[in-house]
């Protein structure tokens, strides 16, 4: 594989492994175990003296292809595929902390991510501080002598706040902590956290990487040293492994990722501009617009906008529900990054378990909606919103 290949080529050919039959499409190795020619060969494999596969929970040829292709795209040395995005998040954080350690996390997180750091980690004696991640001084003030991990999403779910990844990484390096970035909303095409100084990147591959509503998956990417020292044993013994069939599905998804994300992003930008002019809309947040609250950071660390749009309706929950119910093309779903345009009401779905006060801190009001633009014709989507908004009181 050439290191000079551009992203679209890497996502078609990266990590390819062909059997003796020379198949065009990658093979699916649906086996949980592997055999050895001799007992001595088995011993050497388990000692790590020879390369090869041991058990599908540790890795398989199909998973290996997916991991290598993601590494090529992300610029990482090592990756481990997981059964879901949340398996990736939990493993990436918990594999490197112990009782008495401290995590600093941005408060603007997906509901389950926030539960891991705010509720689960303290059960095991791991301390956690949530901060308003938009301001570097908040990260710095939260540092303690036992701080080991900084965790953030950027852009955030669902209000598309942006965090200065390079700035947070600089603070982490000063104290020997690791920065874990959930890069789902940006996709590996628009943002490279490792290049910005982050140490670990996680994805819910369910989203844009599959992006067609077929499978759950996740992936963790970092350097070889961190994977060997922290993740490898955790991954092998706790078993968050991805199914080989899922890995094959995601390999197929990666082939069309640039095409889908390009169309989704163009649609998201077009819809954001349209909605910004509508009288029923109180607020639009989109990383590709000049009026984004952190437009300077977006310009510094992102190569494109996003496939997501955050909008707030003036009429609160009643107006938000009315808009969702009136849409014809756009479907109501808490998923995102799909080929189909999807919309959800965070206050009653993805962030329903937060208190009213916590949602208010994150900018999630009763009128907030999160749109994930699909690959449909952009003009059809605009017309769909126009007819739906006509049924919503200003």
Protein backbone atom coordinates (compact mmCIF):
# COMPACT_ATOMS: atom_id res chain seq x y z
CA UNK A 1 0.00 0.00 0.00
CA UNK A 2 1.39 3.38 -1.00
CA UNK A 3 1.62 6.05 1.68
CA UNK A 4 1.06 8.66 -1.01
CA UNK A 5 -2.43 7.46 -1.83
CA UNK A 6 -5.12 10.04 -1.29
CA UNK A 7 -8.10 9.32 1.00
CA UNK A 8 -10.53 8.06 -1.65
CA UNK A 9 -7.96 5.54 -2.89
CA UNK A 10 -7.00 4.44 0.63
CA UNK A 11 -10.64 3.77 1.43
CA UNK A 12 -10.98 1.41 -1.54
CA UNK A 13 -7.63 -0.39 -1.41
CA UNK A 14 -6.08 0.16 2.03
CA UNK A 15 -5.30 -2.95 4.06
CA UNK A 16 -6.48 -5.33 1.34
CA UNK A 17 -5.67 -8.99 1.98
CA UNK A 18 -6.32 -11.52 -0.79
CA UNK A 19 -6.57 -15.27 -0.38
CA UNK A 20 -5.06 -17.77 -2.80
CA UNK A 21 -8.19 -17.37 -4.92
CA UNK A 22 -7.55 -13.71 -5.76
CA UNK A 23 -11.07 -12.49 -5.01
CA UNK A 24 -12.02 -8.95 -6.03
CA UNK A 25 -14.05 -8.13 -2.93
CA UNK A 26 -12.49 -8.83 0.45
CA UNK A 27 -13.27 -12.27 1.86
CA UNK A 28 -15.27 -12.80 5.05
CA UNK A 29 -13.51 -15.16 7.46
CA UNK A 30 -16.41 -16.35 9.60
CA UNK A 31 -14.36 -18.50 11.92
CA UNK A 32 -13.90 -18.09 15.64
CA UNK A 33 -10.72 -20.17 15.82
CA UNK A 34 -7.59 -21.07 13.89
CA UNK A 35 -5.52 -24.26 13.67
CA UNK A 36 -1.75 -24.80 13.89
CA UNK A 37 0.41 -27.25 11.98
CA UNK A 38 2.21 -28.38 15.14
CA UNK A 39 2.01 -28.02 18.90
CA UNK A 40 5.25 -26.07 18.72
CA UNK A 41 3.65 -23.66 16.26
CA UNK A 42 0.75 -23.10 18.65
CA UNK A 43 3.14 -22.41 21.52
CA UNK A 44 5.11 -19.92 19.43
CA UNK A 45 1.95 -18.15 18.32
CA UNK A 46 0.73 -17.73 21.91
CA UNK A 47 4.15 -16.50 23.01
CA UNK A 48 4.06 -13.89 20.28
CA UNK A 49 7.16 -15.30 18.63
CA UNK A 50 5.37 -15.79 15.30
CA UNK A 51 2.68 -13.75 13.64
CA UNK A 52 -0.80 -15.07 13.00
CA UNK A 53 -4.30 -15.33 14.37
CA UNK A 54 -5.27 -17.11 17.58
CA UNK A 55 -8.95 -16.47 18.22
CA UNK A 56 -11.52 -14.18 16.63
CA UNK A 57 -11.95 -12.30 19.90
CA UNK A 58 -8.34 -11.20 19.46
CA UNK A 59 -8.54 -10.57 15.72
CA UNK A 60 -9.29 -12.09 12.33
CA UNK A 61 -8.20 -11.51 8.71
CA UNK A 62 -11.38 -9.56 7.89
CA UNK A 63 -11.14 -7.40 11.01
CA UNK A 64 -7.47 -6.86 10.29
CA UNK A 65 -8.29 -5.45 6.86
CA UNK A 66 -10.81 -3.03 8.34
CA UNK A 67 -8.39 -1.92 11.06
CA UNK A 68 -5.53 -1.37 8.60
CA UNK A 69 -7.78 0.60 6.24
CA UNK A 70 -8.89 2.83 9.11
CA UNK A 71 -5.25 3.32 10.16
CA UNK A 72 -4.35 4.39 6.62
CA UNK A 73 -7.18 6.90 6.62
CA UNK A 74 -6.59 8.23 10.13
CA UNK A 75 -2.79 8.25 10.08
CA UNK A 76 -2.65 5.86 13.05
CA UNK A 77 -0.22 3.01 13.74
CA UNK A 78 -2.70 0.61 15.30
CA UNK A 79 -6.46 0.09 15.55
CA UNK A 80 -8.88 -2.27 17.26
CA UNK A 81 -12.38 -2.82 15.90
CA UNK A 82 -15.19 -3.11 18.44
CA UNK A 83 -18.78 -4.31 18.46
CA UNK A 84 -20.23 -0.80 18.81
CA UNK A 85 -19.21 2.81 19.13
CA UNK A 86 -19.88 2.78 22.85
CA UNK A 87 -17.69 -0.32 23.24
CA UNK A 88 -14.93 1.73 21.62
CA UNK A 89 -15.49 4.73 23.91
CA UNK A 90 -15.66 2.66 27.09
CA UNK A 91 -12.59 0.60 26.20
CA UNK A 92 -10.51 3.60 25.14
CA UNK A 93 -11.14 5.36 28.45
CA UNK A 94 -11.30 2.52 30.98
CA UNK A 95 -8.30 0.58 29.70
CA UNK A 96 -5.94 3.34 30.86
CA UNK A 97 -7.35 4.42 34.23
CA UNK A 98 -7.62 2.85 37.68
CA UNK A 99 -9.11 3.68 41.06
CA UNK A 100 -7.74 7.01 42.24
CA UNK A 101 -7.22 8.42 38.75
CA UNK A 102 -9.03 11.47 37.39
CA UNK A 103 -10.80 12.10 34.06
CA UNK A 104 -11.56 15.56 32.70
CA UNK A 105 -14.31 15.49 30.07
CA UNK A 106 -16.20 18.07 28.09
CA UNK A 107 -19.74 18.29 29.42
CA UNK A 108 -21.16 18.30 25.87
CA UNK A 109 -21.19 14.57 25.17
CA UNK A 110 -23.55 11.97 23.75
CA UNK A 111 -25.73 10.69 26.60
CA UNK A 112 -24.07 7.26 26.88
CA UNK A 113 -20.56 8.77 26.69
CA UNK A 114 -21.41 11.09 29.53
CA UNK A 115 -22.80 8.16 31.53
CA UNK A 116 -19.47 6.30 31.19
CA UNK A 117 -17.41 9.14 32.65
CA UNK A 118 -19.97 10.66 35.02
CA UNK A 119 -21.69 7.55 36.42
CA UNK A 120 -19.78 4.37 35.59
CA UNK A 121 -16.19 5.48 36.22
CA UNK A 122 -16.89 6.79 39.76
CA UNK A 123 -18.33 3.38 40.69
CA UNK A 124 -14.79 2.04 40.32
CA UNK A 125 -13.13 4.87 42.23
CA UNK A 126 -12.22 6.92 39.16
CA UNK A 127 -12.88 10.63 39.64
CA UNK A 128 -14.44 12.78 36.91
CA UNK A 129 -14.79 16.50 36.28
CA UNK A 130 -17.05 17.85 33.52
CA UNK A 131 -16.11 21.18 31.99
CA UNK A 132 -17.40 23.58 29.38
CA UNK A 133 -14.97 22.36 26.74
CA UNK A 134 -15.23 25.44 24.54
CA UNK A 135 -12.75 27.34 26.73
CA UNK A 136 -9.20 26.07 27.30
CA UNK A 137 -8.99 27.73 30.70
CA UNK A 138 -11.70 25.37 31.96
CA UNK A 139 -9.60 22.34 31.01
CA UNK A 140 -6.57 23.84 32.71
CA UNK A 141 -8.45 24.70 35.90
CA UNK A 142 -9.82 21.14 36.16
CA UNK A 143 -6.38 19.50 36.16
CA UNK A 144 -5.43 17.64 39.32
CA UNK A 145 -2.25 15.75 40.23
CA UNK A 146 -4.07 12.49 39.39
CA UNK A 147 -5.51 13.59 36.02
CA UNK A 148 -4.81 10.88 33.45
CA UNK A 149 -7.34 11.32 30.63
CA UNK A 150 -9.02 14.17 28.78
CA UNK A 151 -12.11 13.11 26.80
CA UNK A 152 -14.08 15.15 24.29
CA UNK A 153 -16.28 15.16 21.21
CA UNK A 154 -15.75 17.78 18.54
CA UNK A 155 -18.08 18.82 17.03
CA UNK A 156 -20.31 17.88 19.94
CA UNK A 157 -23.58 15.99 20.05
CA UNK A 158 -26.09 17.54 19.49
CA UNK A 159 -25.31 21.27 19.47
CA UNK A 160 -22.17 21.11 17.29
CA UNK A 161 -19.88 22.99 19.66
CA UNK A 162 -16.21 22.76 18.65
CA UNK A 163 -13.31 22.14 21.03
CA UNK A 164 -9.73 23.29 20.38
CA UNK A 165 -8.16 19.82 20.13
CA UNK A 166 -4.59 21.09 19.74
CA UNK A 167 -5.00 23.33 22.77
CA UNK A 168 -6.34 20.52 24.94
CA UNK A 169 -3.56 18.19 23.73
CA UNK A 170 -0.93 20.76 24.71
CA UNK A 171 -2.32 20.88 28.25
CA UNK A 172 -2.44 17.08 28.44
CA UNK A 173 1.16 16.72 27.30
CA UNK A 174 2.31 19.08 30.04
CA UNK A 175 1.04 16.63 32.69
CA UNK A 176 1.51 13.31 30.88
CA UNK A 177 -2.21 12.74 30.33
CA UNK A 178 -3.84 11.27 27.22
CA UNK A 179 -6.47 12.95 25.03
CA UNK A 180 -9.25 10.73 23.69
CA UNK A 181 -11.34 12.30 20.92
CA UNK A 182 -14.68 11.03 19.65
CA UNK A 183 -14.43 12.16 16.02
CA UNK A 184 -17.77 10.85 14.75
CA UNK A 185 -19.38 14.15 13.79
CA UNK A 186 -16.34 15.36 11.83
CA UNK A 187 -15.59 12.00 10.15
CA UNK A 188 -11.97 11.07 9.34
CA UNK A 189 -12.33 13.05 6.12
CA UNK A 190 -12.81 16.45 7.75
CA UNK A 191 -10.72 16.25 10.93
CA UNK A 192 -7.55 14.41 11.97
CA UNK A 193 -7.30 14.50 15.79
CA UNK A 194 -3.97 12.64 15.85
CA UNK A 195 -2.42 15.30 13.62
CA UNK A 196 -3.76 17.91 16.04
CA UNK A 197 -2.01 16.23 18.98
CA UNK A 198 -4.67 13.87 20.34
CA UNK A 199 -3.43 10.46 21.47
CA UNK A 200 -6.48 8.27 20.85
CA UNK A 201 -9.37 8.56 18.37
CA UNK A 202 -12.65 6.65 18.59
CA UNK A 203 -15.52 6.23 16.14
CA UNK A 204 -18.94 4.77 16.13
CA UNK A 205 -18.53 3.04 12.78
CA UNK A 206 -22.29 2.58 12.82
CA UNK A 207 -22.52 6.18 11.65
CA UNK A 208 -20.84 7.47 8.48
CA UNK A 209 -18.47 4.52 8.06
CA UNK A 210 -21.34 2.08 7.56
CA UNK A 211 -23.79 4.90 7.06
CA UNK A 212 -26.48 2.75 5.54
CA UNK A 213 -28.35 1.43 8.55
CA UNK A 214 -26.92 -2.08 8.39
CA UNK A 215 -24.62 -2.71 11.31
CA UNK A 216 -23.23 -1.65 14.68
CA UNK A 217 -19.51 -1.15 15.04
CA UNK A 218 -16.74 0.94 16.54
CA UNK A 219 -13.00 1.44 16.25
CA UNK A 220 -10.16 2.74 18.45
CA UNK A 221 -7.02 4.20 16.85
CA UNK A 222 -3.70 5.22 18.37
CA UNK A 223 0.03 4.45 18.26
CA UNK A 224 1.49 0.99 18.80
CA UNK A 225 2.90 1.83 22.22
CA UNK A 226 -0.45 2.93 23.67
CA UNK A 227 -2.33 -0.04 22.18
CA UNK A 228 0.25 -2.50 23.50
CA UNK A 229 0.57 -0.93 26.93
CA UNK A 230 -3.07 -0.11 27.65
CA UNK A 231 -5.62 -1.47 25.20
CA UNK A 232 -4.42 -4.87 24.05
CA UNK A 233 -4.97 -6.91 27.21
CA UNK A 234 -8.20 -5.07 28.06
CA UNK A 235 -9.51 -5.78 24.57
CA UNK A 236 -8.55 -9.46 24.62
CA UNK A 237 -9.91 -10.25 28.04
CA UNK A 238 -13.11 -8.19 28.16
CA UNK A 239 -14.21 -9.16 24.65
CA UNK A 240 -15.67 -6.08 22.89
CA UNK A 241 -14.58 -7.59 19.55
CA UNK A 242 -16.31 -6.88 16.25
CA UNK A 243 -17.91 -9.65 14.20
CA UNK A 244 -15.99 -10.47 10.98
CA UNK A 245 -19.22 -10.05 9.03
CA UNK A 246 -19.60 -6.55 10.45
CA UNK A 247 -15.97 -5.78 9.56
CA UNK A 248 -16.68 -6.86 5.98
CA UNK A 249 -19.80 -4.66 5.86
CA UNK A 250 -17.77 -1.69 7.10
CA UNK A 251 -15.06 -2.32 4.52
CA UNK A 252 -17.75 -1.94 1.88
CA UNK A 253 -18.97 1.24 3.59
CA UNK A 254 -15.50 2.78 3.56
CA UNK A 255 -15.33 2.43 -0.23
CA UNK A 256 -18.14 4.95 -0.69
CA UNK A 257 -17.48 7.12 2.38
CA UNK A 258 -16.06 10.14 0.48
CA UNK A 259 -18.95 10.13 -1.99
CA UNK A 260 -21.61 9.92 0.70
CA UNK A 261 -20.03 12.46 3.07
CA UNK A 262 -19.53 14.95 0.24
CA UNK A 263 -23.21 14.82 -0.72
CA UNK A 264 -24.36 14.82 2.90
CA UNK A 265 -22.22 17.84 3.69
CA UNK A 266 -23.44 19.78 0.68
CA UNK A 267 -27.03 19.01 1.67
CA UNK A 268 -26.42 19.98 5.30
CA UNK A 269 -24.93 23.32 4.29
CA UNK A 270 -27.79 24.04 1.90
CA UNK A 271 -30.43 23.16 4.51
CA UNK A 272 -28.67 25.22 7.20
CA UNK A 273 -28.66 28.29 4.97
CA UNK A 274 -32.32 27.78 4.09
CA UNK A 275 -33.45 27.29 7.69
CA UNK A 276 -31.49 30.31 8.90
CA UNK A 277 -33.85 32.52 6.88
CA UNK A 278 -37.11 31.00 8.18
CA UNK A 279 -39.22 32.89 10.70
CA UNK A 280 -39.99 29.77 12.76
CA UNK A 281 -36.30 29.16 13.46
CA UNK A 282 -34.68 30.76 16.53
CA UNK A 283 -31.15 29.46 15.96
CA UNK A 284 -29.03 27.51 13.48
CA UNK A 285 -25.64 26.01 14.35
CA UNK A 286 -23.57 24.58 11.51
CA UNK A 287 -19.74 24.33 11.44
CA UNK A 288 -19.62 25.47 7.81
CA UNK A 289 -21.29 28.84 8.50
CA UNK A 290 -19.46 32.03 9.42
CA UNK A 291 -21.87 32.59 12.33
CA UNK A 292 -20.80 29.38 14.09
CA UNK A 293 -19.78 30.33 17.67
CA UNK A 294 -16.30 28.80 17.22
CA UNK A 295 -15.85 29.56 13.52
CA UNK A 296 -12.17 30.39 14.08
CA UNK A 297 -11.46 26.94 15.55
CA UNK A 298 -13.49 25.25 12.82
CA UNK A 299 -11.32 26.97 10.22
CA UNK A 300 -8.17 25.93 12.05
CA UNK A 301 -8.83 22.23 12.56
CA UNK A 302 -11.57 21.08 10.18
CA UNK A 303 -11.27 20.58 6.42
CA UNK A 304 -15.03 20.69 5.85
CA UNK A 305 -18.30 21.48 7.56
CA UNK A 306 -20.41 18.60 8.82
CA UNK A 307 -23.25 16.34 7.82
CA UNK A 308 -25.13 17.52 10.94
CA UNK A 309 -27.18 20.64 11.59
CA UNK A 310 -28.49 21.82 14.95
CA UNK A 311 -31.62 23.97 14.89
CA UNK A 312 -33.90 25.51 17.49
CA UNK A 313 -37.55 26.31 16.84
CA UNK A 314 -39.24 29.29 18.49
CA UNK A 315 -42.27 27.27 19.54
CA UNK A 316 -40.43 24.84 21.81
CA UNK A 317 -41.29 21.15 22.01
CA UNK A 318 -44.69 21.59 20.37
CA UNK A 319 -43.16 23.23 17.30
CA UNK A 320 -40.27 20.75 17.19
CA UNK A 321 -42.64 17.79 17.25
CA UNK A 322 -44.91 19.41 14.65
CA UNK A 323 -41.99 19.90 12.27
CA UNK A 324 -40.78 16.32 12.68
CA UNK A 325 -44.24 14.91 12.15
CA UNK A 326 -44.81 16.99 9.02
CA UNK A 327 -41.59 15.98 7.26
CA UNK A 328 -42.04 13.42 4.49
CA UNK A 329 -38.54 12.61 3.20
CA UNK A 330 -36.65 13.21 6.43
CA UNK A 331 -37.28 10.40 8.89
CA UNK A 332 -37.43 10.56 12.68
CA UNK A 333 -34.54 8.55 14.10
CA UNK A 334 -31.85 8.97 16.75
CA UNK A 335 -29.22 7.56 14.36
CA UNK A 336 -26.99 9.81 12.27
CA UNK A 337 -24.52 9.72 9.41
CA UNK A 338 -26.94 7.66 7.33
CA UNK A 339 -27.60 7.81 3.59
CA UNK A 340 -31.15 8.78 4.58
CA UNK A 341 -31.82 12.17 6.14
CA UNK A 342 -32.74 11.74 9.82
CA UNK A 343 -33.96 14.10 12.52
CA UNK A 344 -34.29 13.72 16.28
CA UNK A 345 -35.40 15.69 19.33
CA UNK A 346 -32.47 15.34 21.77
CA UNK A 347 -34.37 16.42 24.88
CA UNK A 348 -36.68 13.41 24.59
CA UNK A 349 -34.28 10.92 22.99
CA UNK A 350 -30.47 10.96 23.10
CA UNK A 351 -30.21 13.34 26.07
CA UNK A 352 -33.46 12.57 27.89
CA UNK A 353 -31.68 11.24 31.00
CA UNK A 354 -30.01 14.59 31.72
CA UNK A 355 -31.65 17.02 34.10
CA UNK A 356 -33.37 20.11 32.71
CA UNK A 357 -30.50 22.16 34.12
CA UNK A 358 -27.85 19.99 32.46
CA UNK A 359 -29.62 20.19 29.11
CA UNK A 360 -29.89 23.97 29.44
CA UNK A 361 -26.13 24.17 30.11
CA UNK A 362 -25.52 22.29 26.85
CA UNK A 363 -27.84 24.53 24.88
CA UNK A 364 -30.43 21.79 24.42
CA UNK A 365 -33.81 23.48 24.67
CA UNK A 366 -37.28 21.97 24.21
CA UNK A 367 -37.18 23.37 20.67
CA UNK A 368 -33.79 21.89 19.71
CA UNK A 369 -33.60 19.40 16.85
CA UNK A 370 -30.60 17.60 15.37
CA UNK A 371 -30.64 16.95 11.64
CA UNK A 372 -28.40 14.40 9.95
CA UNK A 373 -28.42 15.17 6.23
CA UNK A 374 -28.55 12.24 3.83
CA UNK A 375 -27.63 11.80 0.19
CA UNK A 376 -31.04 12.64 -1.28
CA UNK A 377 -31.42 15.48 -3.77
CA UNK A 378 -30.80 18.69 -1.86
CA UNK A 379 -33.65 20.56 -3.49
CA UNK A 380 -36.08 17.83 -2.46
CA UNK A 381 -34.91 18.19 1.13
CA UNK A 382 -35.35 21.96 1.04
CA UNK A 383 -38.87 21.53 -0.32
CA UNK A 384 -39.62 18.97 2.38
CA UNK A 385 -38.59 21.43 5.11
CA UNK A 386 -40.52 24.24 3.42
CA UNK A 387 -43.78 22.31 3.40
CA UNK A 388 -43.24 21.09 6.96
CA UNK A 389 -42.42 24.55 8.30
CA UNK A 390 -45.61 25.90 6.71
CA UNK A 391 -47.47 23.73 9.22
CA UNK A 392 -45.54 25.10 12.21
CA UNK A 393 -46.65 28.25 13.98
CA UNK A 394 -44.09 31.06 13.94
